[in-house]
N, C-alpha and C. Protein backbone atom coordinates (compact mmCIF):
# COMPACT_ATOMS: atom_id res chain seq x y z
N MET A 1 143.94 -62.71 -123.58
CA MET A 1 143.83 -61.66 -124.63
C MET A 1 144.27 -62.23 -125.93
N GLU A 2 145.37 -62.88 -125.97
CA GLU A 2 145.91 -63.38 -127.24
C GLU A 2 144.95 -64.35 -127.89
N ARG A 3 144.31 -65.18 -127.12
CA ARG A 3 143.36 -66.22 -127.71
C ARG A 3 142.19 -65.44 -128.36
N ILE A 4 141.70 -64.37 -127.68
CA ILE A 4 140.62 -63.61 -128.31
C ILE A 4 141.03 -62.95 -129.56
N LYS A 5 142.17 -62.28 -129.61
CA LYS A 5 142.79 -61.70 -130.79
C LYS A 5 142.88 -62.69 -131.83
N ASN A 6 143.40 -63.87 -131.54
CA ASN A 6 143.56 -64.87 -132.59
C ASN A 6 142.27 -65.30 -133.19
N LEU A 7 141.22 -65.50 -132.31
CA LEU A 7 139.95 -65.92 -132.88
C LEU A 7 139.28 -64.78 -133.80
N LEU A 8 139.50 -63.64 -133.37
CA LEU A 8 138.92 -62.40 -134.14
C LEU A 8 139.74 -62.32 -135.50
N ASN A 9 140.95 -62.59 -135.44
CA ASN A 9 141.79 -62.50 -136.69
C ASN A 9 141.48 -63.73 -137.64
N ILE A 10 141.23 -64.86 -137.12
CA ILE A 10 140.74 -65.96 -137.91
C ILE A 10 139.51 -65.62 -138.66
N SER A 11 138.55 -65.09 -137.93
CA SER A 11 137.30 -64.69 -138.46
C SER A 11 137.46 -63.62 -139.59
N ALA A 12 138.34 -62.61 -139.16
CA ALA A 12 138.62 -61.52 -140.24
C ALA A 12 139.28 -62.05 -141.48
N ASN A 13 140.16 -62.96 -141.28
CA ASN A 13 140.96 -63.47 -142.42
C ASN A 13 140.09 -64.33 -143.33
N LEU A 14 139.10 -65.04 -142.74
CA LEU A 14 138.13 -65.80 -143.54
C LEU A 14 137.30 -64.87 -144.28
N LYS A 15 136.86 -63.84 -143.72
CA LYS A 15 135.95 -62.88 -144.46
C LYS A 15 136.73 -62.21 -145.59
N LYS A 16 138.09 -61.94 -145.37
CA LYS A 16 138.95 -61.40 -146.37
C LYS A 16 139.03 -62.34 -147.56
N THR A 17 139.18 -63.61 -147.27
CA THR A 17 139.29 -64.63 -148.31
C THR A 17 137.98 -64.67 -149.10
N VAL A 18 136.81 -64.64 -148.45
CA VAL A 18 135.51 -64.68 -149.09
C VAL A 18 135.39 -63.38 -149.90
N ALA A 19 135.80 -62.26 -149.41
CA ALA A 19 135.76 -61.04 -150.23
C ALA A 19 136.48 -61.18 -151.48
N GLU A 20 137.69 -61.85 -151.51
CA GLU A 20 138.50 -61.97 -152.76
C GLU A 20 137.96 -63.09 -153.64
N THR A 21 137.25 -64.05 -153.16
CA THR A 21 136.93 -65.20 -153.99
C THR A 21 135.40 -65.35 -154.25
N LEU A 22 134.52 -64.74 -153.41
CA LEU A 22 133.14 -65.13 -153.65
C LEU A 22 132.20 -63.86 -153.79
N SER A 23 132.84 -62.70 -153.94
CA SER A 23 131.94 -61.43 -154.09
C SER A 23 131.11 -61.56 -155.35
N SER A 24 131.49 -62.17 -156.38
CA SER A 24 130.61 -62.29 -157.59
C SER A 24 129.39 -63.16 -157.29
N GLU A 25 129.62 -64.23 -156.58
CA GLU A 25 128.45 -65.11 -156.17
C GLU A 25 127.52 -64.46 -155.19
N ILE A 26 128.05 -63.60 -154.32
CA ILE A 26 127.17 -62.90 -153.39
C ILE A 26 126.31 -61.88 -154.14
N LEU A 27 126.99 -61.14 -155.07
CA LEU A 27 126.22 -60.12 -155.83
C LEU A 27 125.17 -60.83 -156.62
N ASP A 28 125.45 -62.00 -157.29
CA ASP A 28 124.58 -62.78 -158.04
C ASP A 28 123.38 -63.21 -157.25
N ALA A 29 123.62 -63.64 -155.98
CA ALA A 29 122.53 -64.07 -155.14
C ALA A 29 121.57 -62.89 -154.82
N ALA A 30 122.18 -61.73 -154.46
CA ALA A 30 121.37 -60.53 -154.21
C ALA A 30 120.50 -60.15 -155.35
N GLN A 31 121.14 -60.18 -156.63
CA GLN A 31 120.34 -59.80 -157.83
C GLN A 31 119.24 -60.79 -158.10
N GLN A 32 119.54 -62.03 -157.89
CA GLN A 32 118.55 -63.05 -158.20
C GLN A 32 117.34 -62.90 -157.24
N ILE A 33 117.59 -62.66 -155.99
CA ILE A 33 116.59 -62.44 -154.98
C ILE A 33 115.79 -61.20 -155.32
N LYS A 34 116.51 -60.11 -155.58
CA LYS A 34 115.83 -58.89 -155.96
C LYS A 34 114.97 -58.93 -157.11
N ARG A 35 115.37 -59.67 -158.20
CA ARG A 35 114.58 -59.82 -159.36
C ARG A 35 113.19 -60.60 -159.02
N ARG A 36 113.35 -61.59 -158.16
CA ARG A 36 112.12 -62.38 -157.76
C ARG A 36 111.20 -61.53 -156.96
N ILE A 37 111.69 -60.72 -155.99
CA ILE A 37 110.81 -59.84 -155.21
C ILE A 37 110.20 -58.74 -156.17
N GLU A 38 110.98 -58.27 -157.08
CA GLU A 38 110.45 -57.22 -158.06
C GLU A 38 109.20 -57.82 -158.88
N SER A 39 109.35 -59.10 -159.19
CA SER A 39 108.32 -59.75 -160.00
C SER A 39 107.22 -60.39 -159.21
N GLY A 40 107.06 -60.05 -157.92
CA GLY A 40 106.03 -60.58 -157.12
C GLY A 40 106.32 -61.79 -156.34
N GLY A 41 107.56 -62.25 -156.45
CA GLY A 41 107.94 -63.49 -155.65
C GLY A 41 108.42 -63.15 -154.30
N LYS A 42 108.87 -64.14 -153.53
CA LYS A 42 109.40 -63.95 -152.20
C LYS A 42 110.56 -64.75 -151.87
N LEU A 43 111.17 -64.53 -150.77
CA LEU A 43 112.33 -65.25 -150.34
C LEU A 43 111.99 -66.21 -149.21
N LEU A 44 112.36 -67.52 -149.42
CA LEU A 44 112.10 -68.52 -148.33
C LEU A 44 113.51 -68.92 -147.88
N LEU A 45 113.71 -69.02 -146.61
CA LEU A 45 114.99 -69.50 -146.01
C LEU A 45 114.80 -70.58 -145.02
N MET A 46 115.86 -71.39 -144.89
CA MET A 46 115.81 -72.52 -143.86
C MET A 46 117.22 -72.92 -143.56
N GLY A 47 117.34 -73.51 -142.37
CA GLY A 47 118.52 -74.11 -141.81
C GLY A 47 118.28 -74.73 -140.51
N ASN A 48 119.23 -75.41 -139.87
CA ASN A 48 119.10 -76.02 -138.61
C ASN A 48 120.05 -75.35 -137.60
N GLY A 49 119.61 -75.34 -136.40
CA GLY A 49 120.40 -74.79 -135.26
C GLY A 49 120.76 -73.34 -135.56
N GLY A 50 122.11 -72.97 -135.60
CA GLY A 50 122.52 -71.62 -135.78
C GLY A 50 122.15 -71.07 -137.16
N SER A 51 122.00 -72.06 -138.10
CA SER A 51 121.57 -71.67 -139.49
C SER A 51 120.10 -71.34 -139.51
N ALA A 52 119.31 -71.98 -138.56
CA ALA A 52 117.94 -71.60 -138.47
C ALA A 52 117.88 -70.13 -138.02
N GLY A 53 118.66 -69.83 -137.01
CA GLY A 53 118.63 -68.40 -136.51
C GLY A 53 119.07 -67.46 -137.57
N ASP A 54 120.06 -67.87 -138.41
CA ASP A 54 120.40 -66.94 -139.61
C ASP A 54 119.33 -66.78 -140.51
N ALA A 55 118.56 -67.89 -140.84
CA ALA A 55 117.40 -67.78 -141.71
C ALA A 55 116.42 -66.75 -141.13
N GLN A 56 116.09 -66.83 -139.91
CA GLN A 56 115.14 -65.99 -139.25
C GLN A 56 115.69 -64.46 -139.26
N HIS A 57 116.93 -64.34 -139.00
CA HIS A 57 117.60 -62.99 -138.94
C HIS A 57 117.47 -62.35 -140.31
N ILE A 58 117.84 -63.00 -141.42
CA ILE A 58 117.76 -62.44 -142.68
C ILE A 58 116.37 -62.16 -143.17
N ALA A 59 115.42 -63.08 -142.83
CA ALA A 59 114.02 -62.77 -143.17
C ALA A 59 113.47 -61.52 -142.42
N ALA A 60 113.90 -61.35 -141.20
CA ALA A 60 113.44 -60.24 -140.35
C ALA A 60 114.00 -58.90 -140.97
N GLU A 61 115.25 -58.93 -141.45
CA GLU A 61 115.88 -57.75 -142.03
C GLU A 61 115.06 -57.23 -143.27
N LEU A 62 114.49 -58.21 -143.99
CA LEU A 62 113.81 -57.88 -145.27
C LEU A 62 112.32 -57.42 -144.93
N VAL A 63 111.73 -58.15 -144.03
CA VAL A 63 110.31 -57.86 -143.72
C VAL A 63 110.30 -56.53 -142.95
N GLY A 64 111.21 -56.38 -142.09
CA GLY A 64 111.32 -55.13 -141.35
C GLY A 64 112.07 -54.08 -142.07
N ARG A 65 113.24 -53.75 -141.61
CA ARG A 65 114.12 -52.93 -142.37
C ARG A 65 115.53 -53.27 -142.09
N PHE A 66 116.40 -53.01 -142.93
CA PHE A 66 117.86 -53.23 -142.64
C PHE A 66 118.47 -51.98 -142.22
N LYS A 67 118.54 -51.05 -143.11
CA LYS A 67 119.10 -49.67 -142.80
C LYS A 67 118.25 -48.46 -143.01
N LYS A 68 117.27 -48.59 -143.87
CA LYS A 68 116.39 -47.48 -144.14
C LYS A 68 114.92 -47.88 -144.20
N GLU A 69 114.14 -46.79 -143.98
CA GLU A 69 112.63 -46.95 -144.03
C GLU A 69 112.23 -47.28 -145.43
N ARG A 70 111.45 -48.35 -145.60
CA ARG A 70 111.02 -48.71 -146.95
C ARG A 70 109.83 -49.67 -146.84
N LYS A 71 109.11 -50.09 -147.94
CA LYS A 71 108.10 -51.07 -147.91
C LYS A 71 108.67 -52.40 -147.47
N ALA A 72 107.87 -53.14 -146.74
CA ALA A 72 108.28 -54.40 -146.28
C ALA A 72 108.49 -55.30 -147.53
N MET A 73 109.36 -56.21 -147.51
CA MET A 73 109.69 -57.19 -148.57
C MET A 73 109.34 -58.60 -148.12
N PRO A 74 108.71 -59.36 -149.00
CA PRO A 74 108.28 -60.74 -148.62
C PRO A 74 109.44 -61.76 -148.44
N ALA A 75 109.69 -62.05 -147.22
CA ALA A 75 110.64 -63.17 -146.84
C ALA A 75 110.07 -63.90 -145.68
N LEU A 76 110.33 -65.24 -145.73
CA LEU A 76 109.82 -66.14 -144.74
C LEU A 76 110.85 -67.15 -144.32
N ALA A 77 111.14 -67.20 -143.00
CA ALA A 77 111.97 -68.28 -142.53
C ALA A 77 111.06 -69.50 -142.19
N LEU A 78 111.40 -70.58 -142.75
CA LEU A 78 110.65 -71.87 -142.59
C LEU A 78 110.94 -72.50 -141.23
N THR A 79 111.59 -71.84 -140.38
CA THR A 79 112.08 -72.35 -139.12
C THR A 79 111.22 -71.86 -137.92
N VAL A 80 110.26 -71.06 -138.15
CA VAL A 80 109.59 -70.39 -137.09
C VAL A 80 108.21 -70.87 -136.67
N ASP A 81 107.58 -71.71 -137.51
CA ASP A 81 106.28 -72.15 -137.20
C ASP A 81 106.40 -73.49 -136.34
N THR A 82 106.43 -73.43 -135.13
CA THR A 82 106.64 -74.60 -134.30
C THR A 82 105.47 -75.67 -134.46
N SER A 83 104.31 -75.19 -134.73
CA SER A 83 103.21 -76.16 -134.88
C SER A 83 103.44 -76.99 -136.22
N SER A 84 103.83 -76.25 -137.23
CA SER A 84 104.16 -76.97 -138.56
C SER A 84 105.38 -77.88 -138.33
N LEU A 85 106.39 -77.33 -137.72
CA LEU A 85 107.59 -78.10 -137.60
C LEU A 85 107.44 -79.39 -136.83
N THR A 86 106.66 -79.34 -135.69
CA THR A 86 106.49 -80.43 -134.87
C THR A 86 105.49 -81.43 -135.46
N ALA A 87 104.46 -80.92 -136.12
CA ALA A 87 103.49 -81.77 -136.78
C ALA A 87 104.22 -82.58 -137.89
N LEU A 88 104.93 -81.84 -138.80
CA LEU A 88 105.58 -82.56 -139.85
C LEU A 88 106.64 -83.45 -139.35
N GLY A 89 107.47 -83.05 -138.34
CA GLY A 89 108.47 -83.99 -137.85
C GLY A 89 107.83 -85.21 -137.27
N ASN A 90 106.67 -85.05 -136.55
CA ASN A 90 105.96 -86.20 -135.94
C ASN A 90 105.40 -87.10 -136.97
N ASP A 91 104.65 -86.45 -137.91
CA ASP A 91 103.81 -87.26 -138.90
C ASP A 91 104.62 -87.79 -140.04
N TYR A 92 105.65 -87.04 -140.53
CA TYR A 92 106.45 -87.46 -141.68
C TYR A 92 107.89 -87.67 -141.42
N GLY A 93 108.42 -87.18 -140.35
CA GLY A 93 109.79 -87.34 -140.07
C GLY A 93 110.51 -86.00 -140.18
N PHE A 94 111.64 -85.88 -139.50
CA PHE A 94 112.36 -84.58 -139.41
C PHE A 94 112.94 -84.18 -140.80
N ASP A 95 113.22 -85.12 -141.68
CA ASP A 95 113.77 -84.82 -142.92
C ASP A 95 112.80 -84.10 -143.86
N THR A 96 111.52 -84.02 -143.49
CA THR A 96 110.55 -83.48 -144.37
C THR A 96 110.07 -82.07 -143.91
N ILE A 97 110.58 -81.55 -142.82
CA ILE A 97 109.96 -80.37 -142.22
C ILE A 97 110.08 -79.15 -143.15
N PHE A 98 111.10 -79.03 -143.89
CA PHE A 98 111.25 -77.88 -144.88
C PHE A 98 110.68 -78.24 -146.20
N GLU A 99 110.78 -79.39 -146.63
CA GLU A 99 110.30 -79.85 -147.91
C GLU A 99 108.77 -79.62 -148.07
N ARG A 100 108.06 -80.05 -146.98
CA ARG A 100 106.59 -79.92 -147.10
C ARG A 100 106.18 -78.39 -147.07
N GLN A 101 106.95 -77.57 -146.31
CA GLN A 101 106.70 -76.17 -146.32
C GLN A 101 106.97 -75.51 -147.63
N VAL A 102 108.05 -75.92 -148.32
CA VAL A 102 108.32 -75.43 -149.67
C VAL A 102 107.20 -75.90 -150.59
N GLU A 103 106.79 -77.03 -150.51
CA GLU A 103 105.71 -77.52 -151.37
C GLU A 103 104.47 -76.61 -151.18
N ALA A 104 104.21 -76.30 -149.93
CA ALA A 104 102.98 -75.48 -149.61
C ALA A 104 103.11 -74.00 -150.02
N HIS A 105 104.34 -73.41 -149.89
CA HIS A 105 104.49 -71.99 -150.04
C HIS A 105 105.26 -71.44 -151.20
N ALA A 106 106.11 -72.24 -151.84
CA ALA A 106 106.95 -71.77 -152.89
C ALA A 106 106.29 -71.90 -154.23
N ASN A 107 106.69 -70.92 -155.09
CA ASN A 107 106.31 -71.08 -156.53
C ASN A 107 107.53 -70.63 -157.36
N LYS A 108 107.30 -70.77 -158.68
CA LYS A 108 108.42 -70.50 -159.58
C LYS A 108 109.07 -69.12 -159.63
N ASN A 109 108.27 -68.18 -159.02
CA ASN A 109 108.81 -66.76 -158.90
C ASN A 109 109.65 -66.50 -157.67
N ASP A 110 109.86 -67.52 -156.88
CA ASP A 110 110.50 -67.40 -155.58
C ASP A 110 111.97 -67.68 -155.60
N ALA A 111 112.65 -67.22 -154.60
CA ALA A 111 114.04 -67.61 -154.30
C ALA A 111 113.98 -68.37 -153.00
N VAL A 112 114.87 -69.46 -152.92
CA VAL A 112 114.91 -70.27 -151.77
C VAL A 112 116.31 -70.38 -151.30
N ILE A 113 116.59 -70.02 -150.10
CA ILE A 113 118.05 -70.15 -149.57
C ILE A 113 118.06 -71.31 -148.49
N GLY A 114 118.91 -72.20 -148.83
CA GLY A 114 119.17 -73.31 -147.80
C GLY A 114 120.57 -72.98 -147.20
N ILE A 115 120.59 -72.96 -145.80
CA ILE A 115 121.84 -72.60 -145.11
C ILE A 115 122.32 -73.93 -144.38
N SER A 116 123.51 -74.34 -144.64
CA SER A 116 124.01 -75.50 -144.00
C SER A 116 125.59 -75.48 -143.95
N THR A 117 126.07 -75.48 -142.70
CA THR A 117 127.53 -75.32 -142.65
C THR A 117 128.20 -76.68 -143.20
N SER A 118 127.57 -77.77 -143.15
CA SER A 118 128.18 -79.00 -143.69
C SER A 118 127.80 -79.20 -145.15
N GLY A 119 126.67 -78.60 -145.53
CA GLY A 119 126.24 -78.79 -146.92
C GLY A 119 125.45 -80.16 -147.08
N ASN A 120 125.31 -80.81 -145.97
CA ASN A 120 124.65 -82.22 -145.98
C ASN A 120 123.40 -82.34 -145.20
N SER A 121 122.84 -81.24 -144.75
CA SER A 121 121.55 -81.34 -143.97
C SER A 121 120.48 -81.96 -144.80
N GLU A 122 119.96 -83.12 -144.54
CA GLU A 122 119.08 -83.85 -145.34
C GLU A 122 117.76 -83.17 -145.54
N ASN A 123 117.29 -82.49 -144.45
CA ASN A 123 115.99 -81.73 -144.54
C ASN A 123 116.16 -80.56 -145.43
N VAL A 124 117.26 -79.83 -145.51
CA VAL A 124 117.53 -78.74 -146.39
C VAL A 124 117.68 -79.23 -147.80
N LEU A 125 118.40 -80.31 -147.95
CA LEU A 125 118.57 -80.94 -149.36
C LEU A 125 117.21 -81.29 -149.95
N ARG A 126 116.39 -81.94 -149.16
CA ARG A 126 115.06 -82.33 -149.76
C ARG A 126 114.20 -81.15 -150.08
N ALA A 127 114.32 -80.07 -149.25
CA ALA A 127 113.52 -78.86 -149.53
C ALA A 127 114.06 -78.13 -150.79
N VAL A 128 115.40 -78.15 -150.94
CA VAL A 128 115.95 -77.48 -152.14
C VAL A 128 115.51 -78.31 -153.45
N ASN A 129 115.56 -79.63 -153.35
CA ASN A 129 115.16 -80.45 -154.45
C ASN A 129 113.69 -80.21 -154.77
N LYS A 130 112.76 -80.01 -153.76
CA LYS A 130 111.41 -79.75 -154.06
C LYS A 130 111.34 -78.24 -154.61
N ALA A 131 112.04 -77.36 -154.17
CA ALA A 131 112.02 -75.99 -154.73
C ALA A 131 112.47 -76.06 -156.22
N ASN A 132 113.49 -76.92 -156.52
CA ASN A 132 113.87 -76.94 -157.97
C ASN A 132 112.79 -77.53 -158.81
N THR A 133 112.09 -78.55 -158.25
CA THR A 133 110.96 -79.19 -159.02
C THR A 133 109.92 -78.11 -159.31
N ILE A 134 109.65 -77.24 -158.38
CA ILE A 134 108.72 -76.20 -158.51
C ILE A 134 109.12 -75.12 -159.54
N GLY A 135 110.49 -74.96 -159.61
CA GLY A 135 110.98 -73.98 -160.49
C GLY A 135 111.53 -72.74 -159.85
N ALA A 136 111.55 -72.74 -158.47
CA ALA A 136 112.11 -71.61 -157.71
C ALA A 136 113.58 -71.58 -157.92
N TYR A 137 114.21 -70.37 -157.71
CA TYR A 137 115.67 -70.22 -157.83
C TYR A 137 116.29 -70.57 -156.44
N THR A 138 117.19 -71.56 -156.41
CA THR A 138 117.81 -72.05 -155.17
C THR A 138 119.24 -71.51 -154.98
N ILE A 139 119.47 -71.17 -153.72
CA ILE A 139 120.76 -70.70 -153.31
C ILE A 139 121.26 -71.42 -152.11
N GLY A 140 122.55 -71.87 -152.01
CA GLY A 140 123.01 -72.53 -150.82
C GLY A 140 124.09 -71.66 -150.24
N LEU A 141 123.87 -71.36 -148.93
CA LEU A 141 124.94 -70.77 -148.10
C LEU A 141 125.57 -71.91 -147.40
N LEU A 142 126.79 -72.32 -147.79
CA LEU A 142 127.35 -73.60 -147.27
C LEU A 142 128.67 -73.40 -146.70
N GLY A 143 129.22 -74.50 -146.19
CA GLY A 143 130.63 -74.52 -145.71
C GLY A 143 131.29 -75.79 -146.08
N ASN A 144 132.47 -76.06 -145.56
CA ASN A 144 133.29 -77.24 -145.79
C ASN A 144 133.47 -77.29 -147.31
N ASP A 145 133.13 -78.41 -147.93
CA ASP A 145 133.27 -78.60 -149.40
C ASP A 145 132.01 -78.37 -150.21
N GLY A 146 130.93 -77.88 -149.40
CA GLY A 146 129.62 -77.75 -150.08
C GLY A 146 128.67 -78.88 -149.96
N GLY A 147 129.32 -79.98 -149.66
CA GLY A 147 128.48 -81.23 -149.43
C GLY A 147 127.56 -81.51 -150.61
N LYS A 148 126.47 -82.25 -150.35
CA LYS A 148 125.46 -82.62 -151.34
C LYS A 148 124.74 -81.47 -151.86
N LEU A 149 124.60 -80.42 -151.05
CA LEU A 149 123.77 -79.22 -151.47
C LEU A 149 124.48 -78.43 -152.57
N LYS A 150 125.77 -78.49 -152.66
CA LYS A 150 126.59 -77.84 -153.72
C LYS A 150 126.06 -78.13 -155.10
N ASP A 151 125.76 -79.42 -155.36
CA ASP A 151 125.25 -79.79 -156.69
C ASP A 151 123.78 -79.62 -156.83
N ALA A 152 123.03 -79.40 -155.71
CA ALA A 152 121.60 -79.38 -155.86
C ALA A 152 121.05 -77.98 -156.09
N VAL A 153 121.78 -76.88 -155.66
CA VAL A 153 121.36 -75.61 -155.85
C VAL A 153 121.67 -74.86 -157.07
N ASN A 154 120.91 -73.80 -157.53
CA ASN A 154 121.38 -73.11 -158.79
C ASN A 154 122.58 -72.38 -158.45
N LEU A 155 122.80 -71.85 -157.30
CA LEU A 155 123.96 -70.99 -156.98
C LEU A 155 124.41 -71.42 -155.56
N HIS A 156 125.68 -71.70 -155.53
CA HIS A 156 126.26 -72.02 -154.13
C HIS A 156 127.34 -70.99 -153.80
N ILE A 157 127.27 -70.69 -152.46
CA ILE A 157 128.32 -69.78 -151.84
C ILE A 157 128.85 -70.63 -150.72
N ILE A 158 130.11 -71.26 -150.98
CA ILE A 158 130.76 -72.16 -150.13
C ILE A 158 131.85 -71.45 -149.38
N ILE A 159 131.71 -71.33 -148.05
CA ILE A 159 132.70 -70.78 -147.18
C ILE A 159 133.78 -71.71 -147.06
N PRO A 160 135.09 -71.37 -147.40
CA PRO A 160 136.20 -72.39 -147.34
C PRO A 160 136.75 -72.59 -145.93
N SER A 161 136.01 -73.23 -145.18
CA SER A 161 136.28 -73.59 -143.70
C SER A 161 135.60 -74.78 -143.29
N ASN A 162 136.08 -75.38 -142.31
CA ASN A 162 135.38 -76.59 -141.63
C ASN A 162 135.08 -76.21 -140.24
N ASP A 163 135.19 -74.95 -139.85
CA ASP A 163 134.98 -74.47 -138.53
C ASP A 163 133.52 -73.88 -138.41
N THR A 164 132.55 -74.61 -137.90
CA THR A 164 131.18 -74.19 -137.95
C THR A 164 130.92 -72.75 -137.46
N ALA A 165 131.61 -72.35 -136.36
CA ALA A 165 131.28 -70.99 -135.82
C ALA A 165 131.78 -69.91 -136.82
N ARG A 166 132.97 -70.09 -137.40
CA ARG A 166 133.48 -69.23 -138.40
C ARG A 166 132.62 -69.12 -139.74
N ILE A 167 132.12 -70.34 -140.13
CA ILE A 167 131.24 -70.42 -141.25
C ILE A 167 129.99 -69.60 -141.01
N GLN A 168 129.34 -69.80 -139.79
CA GLN A 168 128.16 -69.06 -139.45
C GLN A 168 128.38 -67.59 -139.34
N GLU A 169 129.59 -67.17 -138.91
CA GLU A 169 129.93 -65.71 -138.88
C GLU A 169 129.85 -65.13 -140.23
N VAL A 170 130.41 -65.82 -141.28
CA VAL A 170 130.46 -65.37 -142.58
C VAL A 170 129.07 -65.39 -143.22
N HIS A 171 128.31 -66.48 -142.93
CA HIS A 171 127.04 -66.58 -143.49
C HIS A 171 126.08 -65.39 -143.11
N ILE A 172 126.23 -64.97 -141.86
CA ILE A 172 125.34 -63.75 -141.44
C ILE A 172 125.85 -62.55 -142.12
N THR A 173 127.24 -62.41 -142.26
CA THR A 173 127.73 -61.25 -142.95
C THR A 173 127.19 -61.21 -144.38
N ILE A 174 127.25 -62.36 -145.07
CA ILE A 174 126.67 -62.42 -146.36
C ILE A 174 125.22 -62.07 -146.45
N GLY A 175 124.45 -62.58 -145.42
CA GLY A 175 123.04 -62.21 -145.36
C GLY A 175 122.85 -60.67 -145.28
N HIS A 176 123.65 -60.06 -144.44
CA HIS A 176 123.59 -58.56 -144.28
C HIS A 176 123.88 -57.85 -145.58
N ILE A 177 124.95 -58.45 -146.28
CA ILE A 177 125.27 -57.77 -147.52
C ILE A 177 124.13 -57.90 -148.56
N ILE A 178 123.55 -59.10 -148.64
CA ILE A 178 122.46 -59.31 -149.55
C ILE A 178 121.27 -58.36 -149.16
N CYS A 179 120.99 -58.28 -147.92
CA CYS A 179 119.91 -57.32 -147.54
C CYS A 179 120.16 -55.90 -147.89
N GLU A 180 121.41 -55.51 -147.69
CA GLU A 180 121.81 -54.13 -147.99
C GLU A 180 121.67 -53.84 -149.50
N ILE A 181 122.16 -54.76 -150.34
CA ILE A 181 122.08 -54.60 -151.79
C ILE A 181 120.61 -54.51 -152.18
N ILE A 182 119.80 -55.45 -151.76
CA ILE A 182 118.38 -55.44 -152.14
C ILE A 182 117.75 -54.17 -151.66
N GLU A 183 117.96 -53.80 -150.45
CA GLU A 183 117.25 -52.62 -149.93
C GLU A 183 117.72 -51.34 -150.66
N GLU A 184 118.89 -51.17 -151.04
CA GLU A 184 119.39 -50.05 -151.85
C GLU A 184 118.87 -50.08 -153.25
N ASP A 185 118.81 -51.19 -153.83
CA ASP A 185 118.41 -51.32 -155.26
C ASP A 185 116.87 -51.31 -155.47
N LEU A 186 116.07 -51.72 -154.51
CA LEU A 186 114.69 -51.67 -154.65
C LEU A 186 114.18 -50.28 -154.12
């Protein structure tokens, strides 16, 4: 029981720290995404492993609904097309799987979220760099010290932890907050 309480408290304390230090960045991310959706753009998301799951989860909340009935919003997780992922991985290498999709789908009116607990996922970094070249607005949901992605994105939200599980718990909480703000404001 104590171990469980301790883990829950570690997660809760990290979220409290994020609430005190990163609320402005989270609001900025939500507003940037909202502006792009309002102007006909879309949200593209990507990540590996658990971060891939978070990308899909956030996209689904916007395409479907988060808390209320409303018009579907354009959001796409670049982690779900297994034919594209495996073809790109096989033909060009794993590091290109998101970059090529950004090249195919992104435009200057879009927002692109790269999710990486280390901040150093090469395939996410390459995709963010491609999105920047296109002129899309880039956001990093990161952990640790932000890694290479910290300097590559327009806006970084770095969870001050090196515990992957705790970082992912905060990332999905931030995703939910962003979805709620966008849904309420649109």
